[in-house]
C-alpha cells in the first residue's frame, strides 16, 4: 500500500512537471495574456512544491497515515485538474482562432465601453457544452471552429454578461429580490387562504430558490446581451431553442436555467423597451409560429414560475443598471461607430433571412475583415 500511494504522488509530480515544461516552451503564442500565464505558472509551481514537500517529509512511508495521505492526494488532484482544465489547456491551445477572438473581444469592449479586464476567449469548449464563462478566471470558452461563424456569436455577449454580472450584480438586479420574495410569500399564503394543495408550498420554495441561485443571473445575462447586441440576440436565441423543441423542453426549466420560453419573453420586453418595435414584431411572429408548430407541453402551474410582471421588473432593473455602469446600448453603438461588431451580427441575420444564397460568401468576407483589422 505504501509503495502504491508513493507512486501516485510521484505520478502527480510528473504530470505537474510536464505541464510546467510545456508552459515555459518558446513555442507558446506571444499573444497569450502575460498575467494569465504568470499566474498559471505560480499556481502550478506552488502545487509542485506542496507535492515535493509531502514526498520529502517521510509521511508517505507511515502506514498509519495512509488514509490522511489519500485525502491529500485527492486535494492535490483537484488543484491539478483545475489548473489543467481552466488554465493549462487554454494556454497550450492558444492559436490563430484565439488571436482572432482577442481582436474581436478587444473591439467589442471598446464599442460597448466596458472597462473590465478583457477575458481570454478560448476554443476548448465542445458542442455539448456550447459557450461557457468562468468569471473567476476571466475566461470565455467557445466551440472549436466557432471563429468561422457569426450567427452564434450574439451568445458571446451573454457570456460577457456573466463577467459583468460578477462585478456589478448589485447594480444590475436593484431591488428585484425583494419583489421576488414578496411574490412567493404571497402565493404561499394563498395556498392556505384558498385551501389549495399544500404540495404547492414545496413547489414555490423550489422555484424561489432556483430564481435566487441561478435564474436571476441567467435572465440578467440575456438582458445584458440584448441591451448590447439588439435583435440579433433574439434570433440567435430562437436558433438555439430549436434544439430544445425536439426534446419537448421549450417550457421546461432546470435548477441552473430558466425555460427558453421565459427567456424569450424577457428578450422581447427588453427589445421593446429599447425601441425595436418593428424587429420584435417580426421575430415574435416567427417565435409564435415556432411554438405552435413544435407544440411543446406547458408544465403545471407554469404561470407561477415565470410571471410576466417579475420578468419585466428584472428587465427594467437590468436596463437601469447597464445605463448606470455606462455600458453603451446597441442603438448608441450605431451612432458612435461606423460598423460595430454588434451591427455585423445583426447584418448577418438580416443577410441570412433575406439573401440566404449569398450568406456564405458575405459571412466569410466579414470574418476576414475582422481578422485583418489592425
Protein backbone atom coordinates (compact mmCIF):
# COMPACT_ATOMS: atom_id res chain seq x y z
CA UNK A 1 0.00 0.00 0.00
CA UNK A 2 2.82 2.42 0.88
CA UNK A 3 4.54 1.93 -2.46
CA UNK A 4 1.25 2.44 -4.32
CA UNK A 5 0.47 5.69 -2.51
CA UNK A 6 4.02 6.97 -3.03
CA UNK A 7 3.72 6.03 -6.70
CA UNK A 8 0.55 8.03 -7.35
CA UNK A 9 2.08 11.12 -5.72
CA UNK A 10 5.14 10.78 -7.96
CA UNK A 11 2.75 10.48 -10.89
CA UNK A 12 1.14 13.76 -9.86
CA UNK A 13 4.56 15.35 -9.58
CA UNK A 14 5.49 14.11 -13.06
CA UNK A 15 2.24 15.44 -14.58
CA UNK A 16 2.83 18.81 -12.97
CA UNK A 17 6.44 18.92 -14.22
CA UNK A 18 5.34 18.10 -17.77
CA UNK A 19 2.78 20.89 -17.68
CA UNK A 20 5.36 23.32 -16.30
CA UNK A 21 7.75 22.42 -19.11
CA UNK A 22 5.07 22.98 -21.74
CA UNK A 23 4.13 26.35 -20.21
CA UNK A 24 7.74 27.50 -20.47
CA UNK A 25 8.12 26.45 -24.10
CA UNK A 26 9.23 29.18 -26.55
CA UNK A 27 6.64 27.85 -28.99
CA UNK A 28 3.75 29.36 -26.99
CA UNK A 29 1.83 32.16 -28.70
CA UNK A 30 3.13 35.64 -27.96
CA UNK A 31 -0.49 36.83 -27.85
CA UNK A 32 -1.40 34.96 -24.67
CA UNK A 33 -2.13 37.30 -21.76
CA UNK A 34 1.12 37.67 -19.79
CA UNK A 35 -0.60 37.99 -16.40
CA UNK A 36 -2.69 34.88 -17.06
CA UNK A 37 0.42 32.87 -17.96
CA UNK A 38 2.36 34.19 -14.97
CA UNK A 39 -0.45 33.36 -12.54
CA UNK A 40 -0.76 29.87 -14.02
CA UNK A 41 2.97 29.23 -13.58
CA UNK A 42 2.74 30.43 -9.99
CA UNK A 43 -0.26 28.18 -9.18
CA UNK A 44 1.38 25.17 -10.78
CA UNK A 45 4.71 25.91 -9.08
CA UNK A 46 3.03 26.16 -5.67
CA UNK A 47 1.31 22.82 -6.23
CA UNK A 48 4.53 21.10 -7.32
CA UNK A 49 6.26 22.47 -4.21
CA UNK A 50 3.48 21.14 -1.95
CA UNK A 51 3.71 17.67 -3.51
CA UNK A 52 7.52 17.62 -3.21
CA UNK A 53 7.35 18.68 0.44
CA UNK A 54 4.95 15.83 1.22
CA UNK A 55 7.12 13.30 -0.61
CA UNK A 56 10.24 14.51 1.22
CA UNK A 57 8.53 14.67 4.62
CA UNK A 58 8.56 10.90 5.09
CA UNK A 59 4.80 10.83 5.84
CA UNK A 60 4.16 8.61 2.82
CA UNK A 61 6.24 5.84 4.47
CA UNK A 62 4.00 5.70 7.55
CA UNK A 63 1.23 3.12 7.16
CA UNK A 64 -1.00 4.73 9.79
CA UNK A 65 -1.10 7.94 7.75
CA UNK A 66 -2.38 6.22 4.60
CA UNK A 67 -5.94 7.46 4.98
CA UNK A 68 -4.78 11.03 5.50
CA UNK A 69 -2.38 10.77 2.56
CA UNK A 70 -5.18 9.59 0.26
CA UNK A 71 -7.20 12.66 1.28
CA UNK A 72 -4.18 14.86 0.45
CA UNK A 73 -3.84 13.09 -2.90
CA UNK A 74 -7.43 13.95 -3.77
CA UNK A 75 -6.91 17.56 -2.73
CA UNK A 76 -3.82 17.84 -4.92
CA UNK A 77 -5.69 16.12 -7.75
CA UNK A 78 -8.47 18.71 -7.68
CA UNK A 79 -5.93 21.54 -7.75
CA UNK A 80 -4.05 19.96 -10.66
CA UNK A 81 -7.23 19.28 -12.60
CA UNK A 82 -8.47 22.85 -12.14
CA UNK A 83 -5.16 24.26 -13.39
CA UNK A 84 -5.14 21.83 -16.31
CA UNK A 85 -8.73 22.41 -17.47
CA UNK A 86 -9.08 26.14 -16.95
CA UNK A 87 -5.55 27.45 -17.44
CA UNK A 88 -3.08 24.98 -18.95
CA UNK A 89 -5.31 23.88 -21.83
CA UNK A 90 -6.26 27.49 -22.55
CA UNK A 91 -2.58 28.43 -22.87
CA UNK A 92 -1.18 25.46 -24.82
CA UNK A 93 -4.11 25.52 -27.26
CA UNK A 94 -3.87 29.27 -27.81
CA UNK A 95 -3.55 29.75 -31.55
CA UNK A 96 -4.90 31.64 -34.53
CA UNK A 97 -8.60 31.27 -33.54
CA UNK A 98 -7.84 32.74 -30.10
CA UNK A 99 -5.88 35.57 -31.69
CA UNK A 100 -8.93 36.30 -33.87
CA UNK A 101 -11.20 36.36 -30.84
CA UNK A 102 -8.72 38.56 -28.98
CA UNK A 103 -9.06 41.17 -31.73
CA UNK A 104 -12.82 40.81 -31.71
CA UNK A 105 -13.25 41.00 -27.94
CA UNK A 106 -10.92 44.00 -27.74
CA UNK A 107 -13.03 45.77 -30.34
CA UNK A 108 -16.29 44.80 -28.63
CA UNK A 109 -15.15 46.05 -25.23
CA UNK A 110 -14.24 49.40 -26.75
CA UNK A 111 -17.57 49.66 -28.60
CA UNK A 112 -19.68 48.79 -25.55
CA UNK A 113 -17.50 50.91 -23.23
CA UNK A 114 -16.76 48.02 -20.87
CA UNK A 115 -13.87 48.95 -18.59
CA UNK A 116 -13.36 45.47 -17.15
CA UNK A 117 -10.29 43.39 -17.87
CA UNK A 118 -10.89 41.74 -21.23
CA UNK A 119 -11.44 37.98 -20.98
CA UNK A 120 -9.47 35.34 -22.82
CA UNK A 121 -11.68 33.64 -25.39
CA UNK A 122 -10.60 30.04 -25.90
CA UNK A 123 -11.86 27.42 -28.34
CA UNK A 124 -11.52 24.49 -25.94
CA UNK A 125 -15.27 24.04 -25.46
CA UNK A 126 -17.16 21.26 -27.20
CA UNK A 127 -20.51 21.20 -28.94
CA UNK A 128 -22.20 19.68 -25.89
CA UNK A 129 -21.13 22.48 -23.55
CA UNK A 130 -21.51 25.16 -26.24
CA UNK A 131 -20.46 28.55 -24.82
CA UNK A 132 -19.48 28.99 -21.16
CA UNK A 133 -17.78 31.58 -18.98
CA UNK A 134 -15.60 31.32 -15.90
CA UNK A 135 -15.66 34.83 -14.38
CA UNK A 136 -13.15 33.98 -11.64
CA UNK A 137 -10.51 33.28 -14.31
CA UNK A 138 -11.76 35.82 -16.92
CA UNK A 139 -12.27 33.04 -19.45
CA UNK A 140 -14.94 32.56 -22.08
CA UNK A 141 -14.93 29.25 -23.94
CA UNK A 142 -16.48 28.65 -27.35
CA UNK A 143 -16.57 25.51 -29.50
CA UNK A 144 -13.73 24.66 -31.84
CA UNK A 145 -14.30 26.25 -35.24
CA UNK A 146 -16.56 29.00 -33.92
CA UNK A 147 -14.18 31.63 -35.28
CA UNK A 148 -15.56 30.74 -38.73
CA UNK A 149 -19.17 31.57 -37.79
CA UNK A 150 -21.18 34.67 -36.95
CA UNK A 151 -24.73 33.55 -36.21
CA UNK A 152 -23.98 32.08 -32.76
CA UNK A 153 -21.75 34.95 -31.67
CA UNK A 154 -24.51 37.09 -30.12
CA UNK A 155 -24.35 34.47 -27.36
CA UNK A 156 -20.77 35.63 -26.73
CA UNK A 157 -22.40 38.77 -25.31
CA UNK A 158 -24.37 36.58 -22.88
CA UNK A 159 -21.11 35.07 -21.61
CA UNK A 160 -19.61 38.54 -21.33
CA UNK A 161 -22.69 39.32 -19.28
CA UNK A 162 -21.56 36.76 -16.70
CA UNK A 163 -18.32 38.69 -16.22
CA UNK A 164 -20.22 41.98 -15.93
CA UNK A 165 -22.72 40.42 -13.50
CA UNK A 166 -19.87 39.04 -11.38
CA UNK A 167 -18.67 42.59 -10.71
CA UNK A 168 -21.87 44.65 -10.87
CA UNK A 169 -24.55 42.28 -9.56
CA UNK A 170 -25.94 44.73 -7.02
CA UNK A 171 -26.37 47.45 -9.67
CA UNK A 172 -28.00 45.15 -12.21
CA UNK A 173 -30.66 43.47 -10.10
CA UNK A 174 -31.61 46.50 -7.99
CA UNK A 175 -34.48 45.70 -5.61
CA UNK A 176 -35.71 42.78 -7.65
CA UNK A 177 -35.06 40.16 -4.98
CA UNK A 178 -37.43 41.94 -2.60
CA UNK A 179 -40.19 41.79 -5.22
CA UNK A 180 -39.43 38.14 -5.85
CA UNK A 181 -39.63 37.36 -2.14
CA UNK A 182 -42.95 39.17 -1.80
CA UNK A 183 -44.40 37.29 -4.77
CA UNK A 184 -43.62 33.83 -3.39
CA UNK A 185 -44.61 34.77 0.15
CA UNK A 186 -47.95 35.96 -1.17
CA UNK A 187 -48.51 32.84 -3.25
CA UNK A 188 -47.61 30.61 -0.31
CA UNK A 189 -50.17 32.39 1.87
CA UNK A 190 -52.81 31.93 -0.80
CA UNK A 191 -52.36 28.18 -0.57
CA UNK A 192 -53.81 28.30 2.96
CA UNK A 193 -56.37 31.04 2.39
CA UNK A 194 -57.80 29.34 -0.69
CA UNK A 195 -57.31 25.79 0.65
CA UNK A 196 -55.21 24.74 -2.32
CA UNK A 197 -52.95 21.68 -2.37
CA UNK A 198 -50.19 22.02 0.24
CA UNK A 199 -47.77 20.42 -2.23
CA UNK A 200 -47.60 23.88 -3.80
CA UNK A 201 -45.63 25.12 -0.79
CA UNK A 202 -42.61 22.97 -1.68
CA UNK A 203 -43.14 23.80 -5.35
CA UNK A 204 -42.91 27.54 -4.60
CA UNK A 205 -39.91 27.07 -2.31
CA UNK A 206 -38.02 25.19 -5.01
CA UNK A 207 -38.73 27.72 -7.76
CA UNK A 208 -37.96 30.63 -5.43
CA UNK A 209 -34.62 29.03 -4.56
CA UNK A 210 -33.81 28.47 -8.23
CA UNK A 211 -34.58 32.11 -9.01
CA UNK A 212 -32.13 33.20 -6.32
CA UNK A 213 -29.38 30.69 -7.09
CA UNK A 214 -29.32 30.84 -10.90
CA UNK A 215 -32.27 32.30 -12.75
CA UNK A 216 -31.74 35.96 -11.85
CA UNK A 217 -28.18 35.68 -13.15
CA UNK A 218 -29.15 33.86 -16.37
CA UNK A 219 -32.00 36.25 -17.15
CA UNK A 220 -29.70 39.18 -16.41
CA UNK A 221 -27.01 37.91 -18.79
CA UNK A 222 -29.64 37.50 -21.53
CA UNK A 223 -30.85 41.03 -20.89
CA UNK A 224 -27.32 42.47 -20.91
CA UNK A 225 -26.67 40.73 -24.23
CA UNK A 226 -29.92 42.10 -25.66
CA UNK A 227 -29.01 45.59 -24.44
CA UNK A 228 -25.61 45.35 -26.14
CA UNK A 229 -26.31 43.47 -29.39
CA UNK A 230 -30.00 44.18 -30.05
CA UNK A 231 -32.30 42.00 -32.21
CA UNK A 232 -29.51 39.61 -33.27
CA UNK A 233 -29.55 38.11 -29.78
CA UNK A 234 -33.24 37.23 -30.12
CA UNK A 235 -32.64 35.50 -33.47
CA UNK A 236 -29.72 33.53 -32.00
CA UNK A 237 -31.82 32.55 -29.00
CA UNK A 238 -34.57 31.33 -31.32
CA UNK A 239 -31.98 29.29 -33.25
CA UNK A 240 -30.73 27.68 -30.05
CA UNK A 241 -34.25 26.99 -28.83
CA UNK A 242 -34.91 24.81 -31.86
CA UNK A 243 -32.60 22.27 -30.16
CA UNK A 244 -34.81 22.27 -27.07
CA UNK A 245 -38.03 21.90 -29.05
CA UNK A 246 -37.15 18.43 -30.28
CA UNK A 247 -36.83 17.26 -26.69
CA UNK A 248 -40.08 18.92 -25.56
CA UNK A 249 -38.08 21.37 -23.42
CA UNK A 250 -39.18 24.82 -24.61
CA UNK A 251 -41.25 25.38 -21.46
CA UNK A 252 -39.05 23.26 -19.21
CA UNK A 253 -36.88 24.89 -16.55
CA UNK A 254 -33.95 23.41 -14.63
CA UNK A 255 -32.17 24.40 -11.44
CA UNK A 256 -29.48 26.15 -13.49
CA UNK A 257 -31.52 27.79 -16.27
CA UNK A 258 -34.99 29.25 -16.76
CA UNK A 259 -37.13 27.95 -19.61
CA UNK A 260 -36.41 29.04 -23.20
CA UNK A 261 -39.95 30.44 -23.44
CA UNK A 262 -39.47 32.68 -20.40
CA UNK A 263 -36.06 33.81 -21.62
CA UNK A 264 -37.56 34.80 -24.96
CA UNK A 265 -40.27 36.84 -23.24
CA UNK A 266 -37.56 38.70 -21.32
CA UNK A 267 -35.65 39.40 -24.53
CA UNK A 268 -38.78 40.68 -26.30
CA UNK A 269 -39.55 43.01 -23.43
CA UNK A 270 -36.02 44.44 -23.38
CA UNK A 271 -36.01 44.94 -27.16
CA UNK A 272 -39.34 46.74 -26.95
CA UNK A 273 -38.00 48.93 -24.14
CA UNK A 274 -35.02 49.73 -26.39
CA UNK A 275 -37.36 50.86 -29.18
CA UNK A 276 -37.02 47.89 -31.55
CA UNK A 277 -40.77 47.57 -32.05
CA UNK A 278 -40.58 46.59 -35.73
CA UNK A 279 -37.93 43.93 -35.14
CA UNK A 280 -39.81 42.49 -32.15
CA UNK A 281 -42.96 42.16 -34.26
CA UNK A 282 -41.08 40.20 -36.94
CA UNK A 283 -39.20 37.93 -34.54
CA UNK A 284 -42.28 37.36 -32.39
CA UNK A 285 -44.30 36.26 -35.42
CA UNK A 286 -41.64 33.65 -36.11
CA UNK A 287 -41.48 32.69 -32.45
CA UNK A 288 -45.25 32.26 -32.11
CA UNK A 289 -45.35 30.06 -35.20
CA UNK A 290 -42.40 28.08 -33.88
CA UNK A 291 -44.09 27.45 -30.52
CA UNK A 292 -47.32 26.44 -32.23
CA UNK A 293 -45.54 24.14 -34.69
CA UNK A 294 -43.40 22.37 -32.08
CA UNK A 295 -46.37 22.01 -29.70
CA UNK A 296 -44.25 21.54 -26.56
CA UNK A 297 -46.10 20.79 -23.34
CA UNK A 298 -46.66 23.59 -20.81
CA UNK A 299 -45.95 22.33 -17.25
CA UNK A 300 -48.49 22.65 -14.46
CA UNK A 301 -48.50 25.97 -12.59
CA UNK A 302 -46.15 27.44 -15.21
CA UNK A 303 -47.59 30.93 -14.70
CA UNK A 304 -46.30 30.84 -11.10
CA UNK A 305 -42.76 30.02 -12.19
CA UNK A 306 -42.10 32.87 -14.63
CA UNK A 307 -44.83 35.52 -14.19
CA UNK A 308 -44.52 38.31 -16.73
CA UNK A 309 -44.55 41.16 -14.16
CA UNK A 310 -41.45 39.73 -12.48
CA UNK A 311 -39.66 39.30 -15.80
CA UNK A 312 -40.45 42.89 -16.76
CA UNK A 313 -39.33 44.25 -13.41
CA UNK A 314 -35.99 42.45 -13.67
CA UNK A 315 -35.56 43.75 -17.23
CA UNK A 316 -36.21 47.29 -16.02
CA UNK A 317 -33.59 46.83 -13.28
CA UNK A 318 -31.02 45.49 -15.74
CA UNK A 319 -31.68 48.32 -18.21
CA UNK A 320 -31.14 50.88 -15.45
CA UNK A 321 -28.08 49.02 -14.19
CA UNK A 322 -26.47 48.86 -17.64
CA UNK A 323 -27.06 52.59 -18.03
CA UNK A 324 -25.61 53.37 -14.60
CA UNK A 325 -22.40 51.43 -15.25
CA UNK A 326 -22.08 53.24 -18.60
CA UNK A 327 -22.38 50.29 -20.97
CA UNK A 328 -23.17 51.55 -24.47
CA UNK A 329 -26.56 50.37 -25.69
CA UNK A 330 -26.83 48.87 -29.18
CA UNK A 331 -28.52 51.90 -30.75
CA UNK A 332 -25.84 54.23 -29.44
CA UNK A 333 -23.07 52.00 -30.78
CA UNK A 334 -24.53 52.51 -34.26
CA UNK A 335 -24.14 56.27 -33.82
CA UNK A 336 -20.63 56.15 -32.40
CA UNK A 337 -19.05 53.60 -34.74
CA UNK A 338 -19.32 53.04 -38.47
CA UNK A 339 -19.66 49.27 -38.19
CA UNK A 340 -19.51 47.89 -34.65
CA UNK A 341 -19.40 44.13 -34.12
CA UNK A 342 -22.99 44.29 -32.89
CA UNK A 343 -24.08 45.69 -36.26
CA UNK A 344 -22.17 42.99 -38.14
CA UNK A 345 -24.02 40.33 -36.13
CA UNK A 346 -27.39 41.94 -36.87
CA UNK A 347 -26.43 42.28 -40.54
CA UNK A 348 -25.51 38.58 -40.52
CA UNK A 349 -29.03 37.61 -39.50
CA UNK A 350 -30.60 40.05 -41.95
CA UNK A 351 -28.44 38.70 -44.78
CA UNK A 352 -29.27 35.09 -43.90
CA UNK A 353 -33.01 35.80 -43.83
CA UNK A 354 -33.17 37.97 -46.96
CA UNK A 355 -30.35 36.59 -49.16
CA UNK A 356 -29.53 33.07 -47.93
CA UNK A 357 -27.81 32.07 -51.19
CA UNK A 358 -25.21 34.78 -50.75
CA UNK A 359 -24.78 34.40 -46.99
CA UNK A 360 -21.76 32.07 -47.08
CA UNK A 361 -19.57 34.47 -49.05
CA UNK A 362 -20.86 37.50 -47.16
CA UNK A 363 -20.04 35.87 -43.81
CA UNK A 364 -16.59 34.81 -44.99
CA UNK A 365 -15.80 38.36 -46.08
CA UNK A 366 -16.90 39.88 -42.77
CA UNK A 367 -14.85 37.40 -40.74
CA UNK A 368 -11.76 38.17 -42.84
CA UNK A 369 -12.43 41.88 -42.33
CA UNK A 370 -12.45 41.45 -38.55
CA UNK A 371 -9.37 39.21 -38.65
CA UNK A 372 -7.38 41.68 -40.73
CA UNK A 373 -8.12 44.75 -38.62
CA UNK A 374 -5.12 46.47 -37.07
